[in-house]
Amino acid sequence: MQGVTVPNREEIFSEAEMGRLVEELSLSPQQTALVRCLFVGCSDKQIANQMQIHIPTVRTHITRLFRKFDVDDREGLILHIFHHFRTGCREVSCPRKQ
């Protein structure tokens, strides 16, 4: 979902970094919005409000991301994405240096 805004909290990744992650991890726009919300600590209710979907739908999307990345929980999902980012930074010129 493009145009979904995340609560005003500091973003973990810049727009360029997030764009790179979205491409590399093959995230849909809706998955991207959900991941952004998870990274800033949103609850299921906050995610549902931001994305204008029902809470059970949020949980379904999260469960699908768990399966996609073979993780068991939110912490594992966040760590998987962050690890992927850090590995990429070590292999090439880190986007934070640009």
PDB file of N, CA and C in Angstrom:
ATOM      1  N   MET A   1       0.835  -1.181   0.000  1.00  0.00           N
ATOM      2  CA  MET A   1       0.000   0.000   0.000  1.00  0.00           C
ATOM      3  C   MET A   1       0.876   1.238   0.000  1.00  0.00           C
ATOM      4  N   GLN A   2       0.951   1.886  -1.080  1.00  0.00           N
ATOM      5  CA  GLN A   2       1.720   3.110  -1.132  1.00  0.00           C
ATOM      6  C   GLN A   2       0.910   4.200  -0.462  1.00  0.00           C
ATOM      7  N   GLY A   3       1.619   5.142   0.140  1.00  0.00           N
ATOM      8  CA  GLY A   3       0.936   6.227   0.792  1.00  0.00           C
ATOM      9  C   GLY A   3       0.598   5.956   2.248  1.00  0.00           C
ATOM     10  N   VAL A   4       0.890   4.730   2.725  1.00  0.00           N
ATOM     11  CA  VAL A   4       0.646   4.435   4.132  1.00  0.00           C
ATOM     12  C   VAL A   4       1.732   5.116   4.937  1.00  0.00           C
ATOM     13  N   THR A   5       1.337   5.881   5.925  1.00  0.00           N
ATOM     14  CA  THR A   5       2.317   6.575   6.748  1.00  0.00           C
ATOM     15  C   THR A   5       2.496   5.847   8.067  1.00  0.00           C
ATOM     16  N   VAL A   6       3.710   5.890   8.547  1.00  0.00           N
ATOM     17  CA  VAL A   6       4.066   5.259   9.807  1.00  0.00           C
ATOM     18  C   VAL A   6       4.076   6.344  10.871  1.00  0.00           C
ATOM     19  N   PRO A   7       3.728   6.009  12.111  1.00  0.00           N
ATOM     20  CA  PRO A   7       3.768   7.028  13.169  1.00  0.00           C
ATOM     21  C   PRO A   7       5.102   7.759  13.192  1.00  0.00           C
ATOM     22  N   ASN A   8       5.092   8.994  13.658  1.00  0.00           N
ATOM     23  CA  ASN A   8       6.291   9.819  13.672  1.00  0.00           C
ATOM     24  C   ASN A   8       7.308   9.316  14.685  1.00  0.00           C
ATOM     25  N   ARG A   9       8.063   8.340  14.284  1.00  0.00           N
ATOM     26  CA  ARG A   9       9.172   7.818  15.063  1.00  0.00           C
ATOM     27  C   ARG A   9      10.346   7.745  14.107  1.00  0.00           C
ATOM     28  N   GLU A  10      11.538   7.790  14.653  1.00  0.00           N
ATOM     29  CA  GLU A  10      12.718   7.748  13.797  1.00  0.00           C
ATOM     30  C   GLU A  10      12.752   6.440  13.005  1.00  0.00           C
ATOM     31  N   GLU A  11      12.966   6.552  11.727  1.00  0.00           N
ATOM     32  CA  GLU A  11      13.037   5.383  10.858  1.00  0.00           C
ATOM     33  C   GLU A  11      14.380   4.696  11.039  1.00  0.00           C
ATOM     34  N   ILE A  12      14.368   3.386  10.990  1.00  0.00           N
ATOM     35  CA  ILE A  12      15.589   2.594  11.106  1.00  0.00           C
ATOM     36  C   ILE A  12      16.397   2.700   9.816  1.00  0.00           C
ATOM     37  N   PHE A  13      15.706   2.664   8.677  1.00  0.00           N
ATOM     38  CA  PHE A  13      16.355   2.702   7.374  1.00  0.00           C
ATOM     39  C   PHE A  13      15.969   3.970   6.630  1.00  0.00           C
ATOM     40  N   SER A  14      16.918   4.515   5.871  1.00  0.00           N
ATOM     41  CA  SER A  14      16.604   5.651   5.000  1.00  0.00           C
ATOM     42  C   SER A  14      15.709   5.151   3.869  1.00  0.00           C
ATOM     43  N   GLU A  15      15.157   6.067   3.099  1.00  0.00           N
ATOM     44  CA  GLU A  15      14.321   5.675   1.960  1.00  0.00           C
ATOM     45  C   GLU A  15      15.117   4.842   0.960  1.00  0.00           C
ATOM     46  N   ALA A  16      16.368   5.230   0.704  1.00  0.00           N
ATOM     47  CA  ALA A  16      17.212   4.478  -0.237  1.00  0.00           C
ATOM     48  C   ALA A  16      17.490   3.073   0.288  1.00  0.00           C
ATOM     49  N   GLU A  17      17.787   2.985   1.575  1.00  0.00           N
ATOM     50  CA  GLU A  17      18.054   1.675   2.177  1.00  0.00           C
ATOM     51  C   GLU A  17      16.812   0.792   2.141  1.00  0.00           C
ATOM     52  N   MET A  18      15.669   1.371   2.466  1.00  0.00           N
ATOM     53  CA  MET A  18      14.434   0.605   2.457  1.00  0.00           C
ATOM     54  C   MET A  18      14.093   0.164   1.048  1.00  0.00           C
ATOM     55  N   GLY A  19      14.314   1.035   0.084  1.00  0.00           N
ATOM     56  CA  GLY A  19      14.063   0.669  -1.307  1.00  0.00           C
ATOM     57  C   GLY A  19      14.906  -0.512  -1.742  1.00  0.00           C
ATOM     58  N   ARG A  20      16.148  -0.497  -1.318  1.00  0.00           N
ATOM     59  CA  ARG A  20      17.053  -1.605  -1.642  1.00  0.00           C
ATOM     60  C   ARG A  20      16.581  -2.902  -0.981  1.00  0.00           C
ATOM     61  N   LEU A  21      16.194  -2.823   0.279  1.00  0.00           N
ATOM     62  CA  LEU A  21      15.695  -3.999   0.989  1.00  0.00           C
ATOM     63  C   LEU A  21      14.425  -4.542   0.345  1.00  0.00           C
ATOM     64  N   VAL A  22      13.511  -3.655  -0.012  1.00  0.00           N
ATOM     65  CA  VAL A  22      12.256  -4.059  -0.643  1.00  0.00           C
ATOM     66  C   VAL A  22      12.546  -4.858  -1.911  1.00  0.00           C
ATOM     67  N   GLU A  23      13.479  -4.350  -2.709  1.00  0.00           N
ATOM     68  CA  GLU A  23      13.833  -5.033  -3.955  1.00  0.00           C
ATOM     69  C   GLU A  23      14.507  -6.375  -3.678  1.00  0.00           C
ATOM     70  N   GLU A  24      15.493  -6.371  -2.809  1.00  0.00           N
ATOM     71  CA  GLU A  24      16.260  -7.589  -2.537  1.00  0.00           C
ATOM     72  C   GLU A  24      15.423  -8.671  -1.857  1.00  0.00           C
ATOM     73  N   LEU A  25      14.495  -8.270  -0.994  1.00  0.00           N
ATOM     74  CA  LEU A  25      13.679  -9.236  -0.266  1.00  0.00           C
ATOM     75  C   LEU A  25      12.344  -9.504  -0.954  1.00  0.00           C
ATOM     76  N   SER A  26      12.128  -8.867  -2.090  1.00  0.00           N
ATOM     77  CA  SER A  26      10.886  -9.023  -2.863  1.00  0.00           C
ATOM     78  C   SER A  26       9.647  -8.761  -2.014  1.00  0.00           C
ATOM     79  N   LEU A  27       9.627  -7.610  -1.366  1.00  0.00           N
ATOM     80  CA  LEU A  27       8.485  -7.233  -0.537  1.00  0.00           C
ATOM     81  C   LEU A  27       7.456  -6.487  -1.373  1.00  0.00           C
ATOM     82  N   SER A  28       6.200  -6.841  -1.189  1.00  0.00           N
ATOM     83  CA  SER A  28       5.115  -6.110  -1.843  1.00  0.00           C
ATOM     84  C   SER A  28       4.948  -4.771  -1.124  1.00  0.00           C
ATOM     85  N   PRO A  29       4.224  -3.826  -1.722  1.00  0.00           N
ATOM     86  CA  PRO A  29       3.984  -2.557  -1.034  1.00  0.00           C
ATOM     87  C   PRO A  29       3.322  -2.750   0.339  1.00  0.00           C
ATOM     88  N   GLN A  30       2.385  -3.687   0.434  1.00  0.00           N
ATOM     89  CA  GLN A  30       1.716  -3.930   1.705  1.00  0.00           C
ATOM     90  C   GLN A  30       2.684  -4.541   2.723  1.00  0.00           C
ATOM     91  N   GLN A  31       3.521  -5.473   2.286  1.00  0.00           N
ATOM     92  CA  GLN A  31       4.521  -6.054   3.179  1.00  0.00           C
ATOM     93  C   GLN A  31       5.510  -4.984   3.635  1.00  0.00           C
ATOM     94  N   THR A  32       5.859  -4.096   2.740  1.00  0.00           N
ATOM     95  CA  THR A  32       6.784  -3.014   3.074  1.00  0.00           C
ATOM     96  C   THR A  32       6.194  -2.120   4.156  1.00  0.00           C
ATOM     97  N   ALA A  33       4.932  -1.736   4.001  1.00  0.00           N
ATOM     98  CA  ALA A  33       4.269  -0.897   5.002  1.00  0.00           C
ATOM     99  C   ALA A  33       4.222  -1.610   6.348  1.00  0.00           C
ATOM    100  N   LEU A  34       3.926  -2.889   6.322  1.00  0.00           N
ATOM    101  CA  LEU A  34       3.855  -3.660   7.555  1.00  0.00           C
ATOM    102  C   LEU A  34       5.225  -3.751   8.227  1.00  0.00           C
ATOM    103  N   VAL A  35       6.259  -4.022   7.449  1.00  0.00           N
ATOM    104  CA  VAL A  35       7.619  -4.115   7.993  1.00  0.00           C
ATOM    105  C   VAL A  35       8.038  -2.778   8.592  1.00  0.00           C
ATOM    106  N   ARG A  36       7.737  -1.683   7.907  1.00  0.00           N
ATOM    107  CA  ARG A  36       8.063  -0.357   8.454  1.00  0.00           C
ATOM    108  C   ARG A  36       7.402  -0.174   9.820  1.00  0.00           C
ATOM    109  N   CYS A  37       6.145  -0.570   9.920  1.00  0.00           N
ATOM    110  CA  CYS A  37       5.428  -0.450  11.187  1.00  0.00           C
ATOM    111  C   CYS A  37       6.064  -1.324  12.266  1.00  0.00           C
ATOM    112  N   LEU A  38       6.441  -2.530  11.912  1.00  0.00           N
ATOM    113  CA  LEU A  38       7.069  -3.415  12.890  1.00  0.00           C
ATOM    114  C   LEU A  38       8.390  -2.842  13.383  1.00  0.00           C
ATOM    115  N   PHE A  39       9.152  -2.248  12.490  1.00  0.00           N
ATOM    116  CA  PHE A  39      10.448  -1.707  12.870  1.00  0.00           C
ATOM    117  C   PHE A  39      10.347  -0.516  13.820  1.00  0.00           C
ATOM    118  N   VAL A  40       9.223   0.165  13.837  1.00  0.00           N
ATOM    119  CA  VAL A  40       9.060   1.266  14.783  1.00  0.00           C
ATOM    120  C   VAL A  40       8.216   0.861  15.984  1.00  0.00           C
ATOM    121  N   GLY A  41       7.910  -0.429  16.095  1.00  0.00           N
ATOM    122  CA  GLY A  41       7.263  -0.943  17.291  1.00  0.00           C
ATOM    123  C   GLY A  41       5.757  -0.832  17.348  1.00  0.00           C
ATOM    124  N   CYS A  42       5.102  -0.764  16.216  1.00  0.00           N
ATOM    125  CA  CYS A  42       3.642  -0.665  16.202  1.00  0.00           C
ATOM    126  C   CYS A  42       2.996  -1.976  16.651  1.00  0.00           C
ATOM    127  N   SER A  43       1.874  -1.843  17.331  1.00  0.00           N
ATOM    128  CA  SER A  43       1.072  -3.006  17.708  1.00  0.00           C
ATOM    129  C   SER A  43       0.219  -3.433  16.514  1.00  0.00           C
ATOM    130  N   ASP A  44      -0.419  -4.596  16.635  1.00  0.00           N
ATOM    131  CA  ASP A  44      -1.322  -5.051  15.572  1.00  0.00           C
ATOM    132  C   ASP A  44      -2.423  -4.016  15.334  1.00  0.00           C
ATOM    133  N   LYS A  45      -2.941  -3.454  16.407  1.00  0.00           N
ATOM    134  CA  LYS A  45      -4.012  -2.463  16.283  1.00  0.00           C
ATOM    135  C   LYS A  45      -3.521  -1.217  15.552  1.00  0.00           C
ATOM    136  N   GLN A  46      -2.320  -0.753  15.891  1.00  0.00           N
ATOM    137  CA  GLN A  46      -1.765   0.420  15.211  1.00  0.00           C
ATOM    138  C   GLN A  46      -1.514   0.131  13.737  1.00  0.00           C
ATOM    139  N   ILE A  47      -1.009  -1.066  13.446  1.00  0.00           N
ATOM    140  CA  ILE A  47      -0.766  -1.452  12.048  1.00  0.00           C
ATOM    141  C   ILE A  47      -2.089  -1.481  11.292  1.00  0.00           C
ATOM    142  N   ALA A  48      -3.102  -2.086  11.893  1.00  0.00           N
ATOM    143  CA  ALA A  48      -4.424  -2.161  11.252  1.00  0.00           C
ATOM    144  C   ALA A  48      -4.956  -0.762  10.953  1.00  0.00           C
ATOM    145  N   ASN A  49      -4.806   0.142  11.914  1.00  0.00           N
ATOM    146  CA  ASN A  49      -5.271   1.522  11.698  1.00  0.00           C
ATOM    147  C   ASN A  49      -4.483   2.204  10.590  1.00  0.00           C
ATOM    148  N   GLN A  50      -3.169   2.053  10.593  1.00  0.00           N
ATOM    149  CA  GLN A  50      -2.324   2.688   9.577  1.00  0.00           C
ATOM    150  C   GLN A  50      -2.631   2.162   8.175  1.00  0.00           C
ATOM    151  N   MET A  51      -2.816   0.844   8.081  1.00  0.00           N
ATOM    152  CA  MET A  51      -2.999   0.225   6.775  1.00  0.00           C
ATOM    153  C   MET A  51      -4.468   0.114   6.377  1.00  0.00           C
ATOM    154  N   GLN A  52      -5.347   0.515   7.282  1.00  0.00           N
ATOM    155  CA  GLN A  52      -6.786   0.455   7.058  1.00  0.00           C
ATOM    156  C   GLN A  52      -7.246  -0.957   6.710  1.00  0.00           C
ATOM    157  N   ILE A  53      -6.802  -1.908   7.541  1.00  0.00           N
ATOM    158  CA  ILE A  53      -7.209  -3.304   7.415  1.00  0.00           C
ATOM    159  C   ILE A  53      -7.601  -3.799   8.805  1.00  0.00           C
ATOM    160  N   HIS A  54      -8.188  -4.979   8.866  1.00  0.00           N
ATOM    161  CA  HIS A  54      -8.602  -5.554  10.142  1.00  0.00           C
ATOM    162  C   HIS A  54      -7.421  -6.236  10.835  1.00  0.00           C
ATOM    163  N   ILE A  55      -7.489  -6.301  12.154  1.00  0.00           N
ATOM    164  CA  ILE A  55      -6.412  -6.909  12.939  1.00  0.00           C
ATOM    165  C   ILE A  55      -6.128  -8.353  12.509  1.00  0.00           C
ATOM    166  N   PRO A  56      -7.143  -9.205  12.280  1.00  0.00           N
ATOM    167  CA  PRO A  56      -6.823 -10.569  11.812  1.00  0.00           C
ATOM    168  C   PRO A  56      -6.062 -10.569  10.473  1.00  0.00           C
ATOM    169  N   THR A  57      -6.330  -9.587   9.632  1.00  0.00           N
ATOM    170  CA  THR A  57      -5.614  -9.479   8.361  1.00  0.00           C
ATOM    171  C   THR A  57      -4.156  -9.113   8.606  1.00  0.00           C
ATOM    172  N   VAL A  58      -3.907  -8.244   9.574  1.00  0.00           N
ATOM    173  CA  VAL A  58      -2.533  -7.904   9.959  1.00  0.00           C
ATOM    174  C   VAL A  58      -1.803  -9.180  10.352  1.00  0.00           C
ATOM    175  N   ARG A  59      -2.441  -9.962  11.203  1.00  0.00           N
ATOM    176  CA  ARG A  59      -1.814 -11.196  11.688  1.00  0.00           C
ATOM    177  C   ARG A  59      -1.562 -12.188  10.558  1.00  0.00           C
ATOM    178  N   THR A  60      -2.468 -12.235   9.599  1.00  0.00           N
ATOM    179  CA  THR A  60      -2.268 -13.107   8.431  1.00  0.00           C
ATOM    180  C   THR A  60      -1.047 -12.655   7.638  1.00  0.00           C
ATOM    181  N   HIS A  61      -0.931 -11.356   7.409  1.00  0.00           N
ATOM    182  CA  HIS A  61       0.228 -10.826   6.667  1.00  0.00           C
ATOM    183  C   HIS A  61       1.531 -11.107   7.416  1.00  0.00           C
ATOM    184  N   ILE A  62       1.510 -10.931   8.721  1.00  0.00           N
ATOM    185  CA  ILE A  62       2.713 -11.183   9.519  1.00  0.00           C
ATOM    186  C   ILE A  62       3.093 -12.664   9.449  1.00  0.00           C
ATOM    187  N   THR A  63       2.109 -13.538   9.567  1.00  0.00           N
ATOM    188  CA  THR A  63       2.368 -14.981   9.487  1.00  0.00           C
ATOM    189  C   THR A  63       2.961 -15.353   8.128  1.00  0.00           C
ATOM    190  N   ARG A  64       2.472 -14.737   7.075  1.00  0.00           N
ATOM    191  CA  ARG A  64       3.021 -15.012   5.733  1.00  0.00           C
ATOM    192  C   ARG A  64       4.473 -14.547   5.625  1.00  0.00           C
ATOM    193  N   LEU A  65       4.793 -13.428   6.259  1.00  0.00           N
ATOM    194  CA  LEU A  65       6.186 -12.971   6.272  1.00  0.00           C
ATOM    195  C   LEU A  65       7.062 -13.935   7.068  1.00  0.00           C
ATOM    196  N   PHE A  66       6.535 -14.462   8.166  1.00  0.00           N
ATOM    197  CA  PHE A  66       7.286 -15.463   8.944  1.00  0.00           C
ATOM    198  C   PHE A  66       7.638 -16.655   8.054  1.00  0.00           C
ATOM    199  N   ARG A  67       6.645 -17.145   7.312  1.00  0.00           N
ATOM    200  CA  ARG A  67       6.879 -18.289   6.417  1.00  0.00           C
ATOM    201  C   ARG A  67       7.855 -17.931   5.297  1.00  0.00           C
ATOM    202  N   LYS A  68       7.684 -16.767   4.729  1.00  0.00           N
ATOM    203  CA  LYS A  68       8.533 -16.334   3.621  1.00  0.00           C
ATOM    204  C   LYS A  68      10.006 -16.323   4.021  1.00  0.00           C
ATOM    205  N   PHE A  69      10.292 -15.877   5.245  1.00  0.00           N
ATOM    206  CA  PHE A  69      11.679 -15.756   5.691  1.00  0.00           C
ATOM    207  C   PHE A  69      12.088 -16.836   6.693  1.00  0.00           C
ATOM    208  N   ASP A  70      11.208 -17.825   6.880  1.00  0.00           N
ATOM    209  CA  ASP A  70      11.488 -18.970   7.751  1.00  0.00           C
ATOM    210  C   ASP A  70      11.891 -18.516   9.156  1.00  0.00           C
ATOM    211  N   VAL A  71      11.060 -17.673   9.742  1.00  0.00           N
ATOM    212  CA  VAL A  71      11.269 -17.213  11.121  1.00  0.00           C
ATOM    213  C   VAL A  71      10.021 -17.548  11.932  1.00  0.00           C
ATOM    214  N   ASP A  72      10.161 -17.499  13.259  1.00  0.00           N
ATOM    215  CA  ASP A  72       9.069 -17.920  14.137  1.00  0.00           C
ATOM    216  C   ASP A  72       8.291 -16.783  14.797  1.00  0.00           C
ATOM    217  N   ASP A  73       8.874 -15.585  14.820  1.00  0.00           N
ATOM    218  CA  ASP A  73       8.207 -14.498  15.525  1.00  0.00           C
ATOM    219  C   ASP A  73       8.670 -13.148  14.988  1.00  0.00           C
ATOM    220  N   ARG A  74       8.092 -12.083  15.533  1.00  0.00           N
ATOM    221  CA  ARG A  74       8.411 -10.723  15.069  1.00  0.00           C
ATOM    222  C   ARG A  74       9.886 -10.408  15.255  1.00  0.00           C
ATOM    223  N   GLU A  75      10.400 -10.803  16.402  1.00  0.00           N
ATOM    224  CA  GLU A  75      11.820 -10.555  16.666  1.00  0.00           C
ATOM    225  C   GLU A  75      12.682 -11.223  15.601  1.00  0.00           C
ATOM    226  N   GLY A  76      12.366 -12.463  15.272  1.00  0.00           N
ATOM    227  CA  GLY A  76      13.108 -13.172  14.239  1.00  0.00           C
ATOM    228  C   GLY A  76      12.994 -12.492  12.888  1.00  0.00           C
ATOM    229  N   LEU A  77      11.811 -11.980  12.578  1.00  0.00           N
ATOM    230  CA  LEU A  77      11.597 -11.282  11.305  1.00  0.00           C
ATOM    231  C   LEU A  77      12.436 -10.017  11.242  1.00  0.00           C
ATOM    232  N   ILE A  78      12.390  -9.227  12.307  1.00  0.00           N
ATOM    233  CA  ILE A  78      13.164  -7.985  12.348  1.00  0.00           C
ATOM    234  C   ILE A  78      14.662  -8.278  12.263  1.00  0.00           C
ATOM    235  N   LEU A  79      15.108  -9.282  13.019  1.00  0.00           N
ATOM    236  CA  LEU A  79      16.528  -9.643  12.978  1.00  0.00           C
ATOM    237  C   LEU A  79      16.943 -10.153  11.605  1.00  0.00           C
ATOM    238  N   HIS A  80      16.076 -10.927  10.954  1.00  0.00           N
ATOM    239  CA  HIS A  80      16.376 -11.435   9.607  1.00  0.00           C
ATOM    240  C   HIS A  80      16.568 -10.271   8.632  1.00  0.00           C
ATOM    241  N   ILE A  81      15.658  -9.324   8.660  1.00  0.00           N
ATOM    242  CA  ILE A  81      15.739  -8.188   7.737  1.00  0.00           C
ATOM    243  C   ILE A  81      16.970  -7.344   8.043  1.00  0.00           C
ATOM    244  N   PHE A  82      17.211  -7.075   9.316  1.00  0.00           N
ATOM    245  CA  PHE A  82      18.367  -6.274   9.686  1.00  0.00           C
ATOM    246  C   PHE A  82      19.671  -7.000   9.339  1.00  0.00           C
ATOM    247  N   HIS A  83      19.718  -8.306   9.558  1.00  0.00           N
ATOM    248  CA  HIS A  83      20.913  -9.092   9.210  1.00  0.00           C
ATOM    249  C   HIS A  83      21.157  -9.035   7.696  1.00  0.00           C
ATOM    250  N   HIS A  84      20.088  -9.150   6.925  1.00  0.00           N
ATOM    251  CA  HIS A  84      20.218  -9.068   5.466  1.00  0.00           C
ATOM    252  C   HIS A  84      20.805  -7.711   5.075  1.00  0.00           C
ATOM    253  N   PHE A  85      20.316  -6.661   5.704  1.00  0.00           N
ATOM    254  CA  PHE A  85      20.816  -5.312   5.423  1.00  0.00           C
ATOM    255  C   PHE A  85      22.295  -5.207   5.772  1.00  0.00           C
ATOM    256  N   ARG A  86      22.665  -5.645   6.970  1.00  0.00           N
ATOM    257  CA  ARG A  86      24.063  -5.545   7.433  1.00  0.00           C
ATOM    258  C   ARG A  86      24.994  -6.362   6.545  1.00  0.00           C
ATOM    259  N   THR A  87      24.565  -7.541   6.134  1.00  0.00           N
ATOM    260  CA  THR A  87      25.382  -8.372   5.248  1.00  0.00           C
ATOM    261  C   THR A  87      25.623  -7.643   3.935  1.00  0.00           C
ATOM    262  N   GLY A  88      24.572  -7.025   3.400  1.00  0.00           N
ATOM    263  CA  GLY A  88      24.713  -6.259   2.166  1.00  0.00           C
ATOM    264  C   GLY A  88      25.655  -5.084   2.317  1.00  0.00           C
ATOM    265  N   CYS A  89      25.624  -4.428   3.461  1.00  0.00           N
ATOM    266  CA  CYS A  89      26.520  -3.292   3.722  1.00  0.00           C
ATOM    267  C   CYS A  89      27.979  -3.740   3.733  1.00  0.00           C
ATOM    268  N   ARG A  90      28.207  -4.896   4.260  1.00  0.00           N
ATOM    269  CA  ARG A  90      29.582  -5.386   4.341  1.00  0.00           C
ATOM    270  C   ARG A  90      30.110  -5.812   2.972  1.00  0.00           C
ATOM    271  N   GLU A  91      29.213  -6.253   2.087  1.00  0.00           N
ATOM    272  CA  GLU A  91      29.629  -6.745   0.778  1.00  0.00           C
ATOM    273  C   GLU A  91      29.870  -5.617  -0.221  1.00  0.00           C
ATOM    274  N   VAL A  92      29.158  -4.526  -0.063  1.00  0.00           N
ATOM    275  CA  VAL A  92      29.280  -3.393  -1.003  1.00  0.00           C
ATOM    276  C   VAL A  92      29.422  -2.117  -0.199  1.00  0.00           C
ATOM    277  N   SER A  93      29.529  -1.052  -0.893  1.00  0.00           N
ATOM    278  CA  SER A  93      29.574   0.249  -0.231  1.00  0.00           C
ATOM    279  C   SER A  93      28.256   0.472   0.495  1.00  0.00           C
ATOM    280  N   CYS A  94      28.326   0.635   1.790  1.00  0.00           N
ATOM    281  CA  CYS A  94      27.121   0.794   2.610  1.00  0.00           C
ATOM    282  C   CYS A  94      26.363   2.047   2.201  1.00  0.00           C
ATOM    283  N   PRO A  95      25.016   1.916   2.038  1.00  0.00           N
ATOM    284  CA  PRO A  95      24.208   3.098   1.661  1.00  0.00           C
ATOM    285  C   PRO A  95      24.336   4.249   2.657  1.00  0.00           C
ATOM    286  N   ARG A  96      24.654   3.967   3.905  1.00  0.00           N
ATOM    287  CA  ARG A  96      24.778   5.042   4.906  1.00  0.00           C
ATOM    288  C   ARG A  96      25.976   5.943   4.606  1.00  0.00           C
ATOM    289  N   LYS A  97      26.914   5.458   3.827  1.00  0.00           N
ATOM    290  CA  LYS A  97      28.105   6.243   3.491  1.00  0.00           C
ATOM    291  C   LYS A  97      27.833   7.175   2.305  1.00  0.00           C
ATOM    292  N   GLN A  98      26.743   6.938   1.612  1.00  0.00           N
ATOM    293  CA  GLN A  98      26.446   7.727   0.402  1.00  0.00           C
ATOM    294  C   GLN A  98      25.820   9.048   0.744  1.00  0.00           C
TER     295      GLN A  98
END
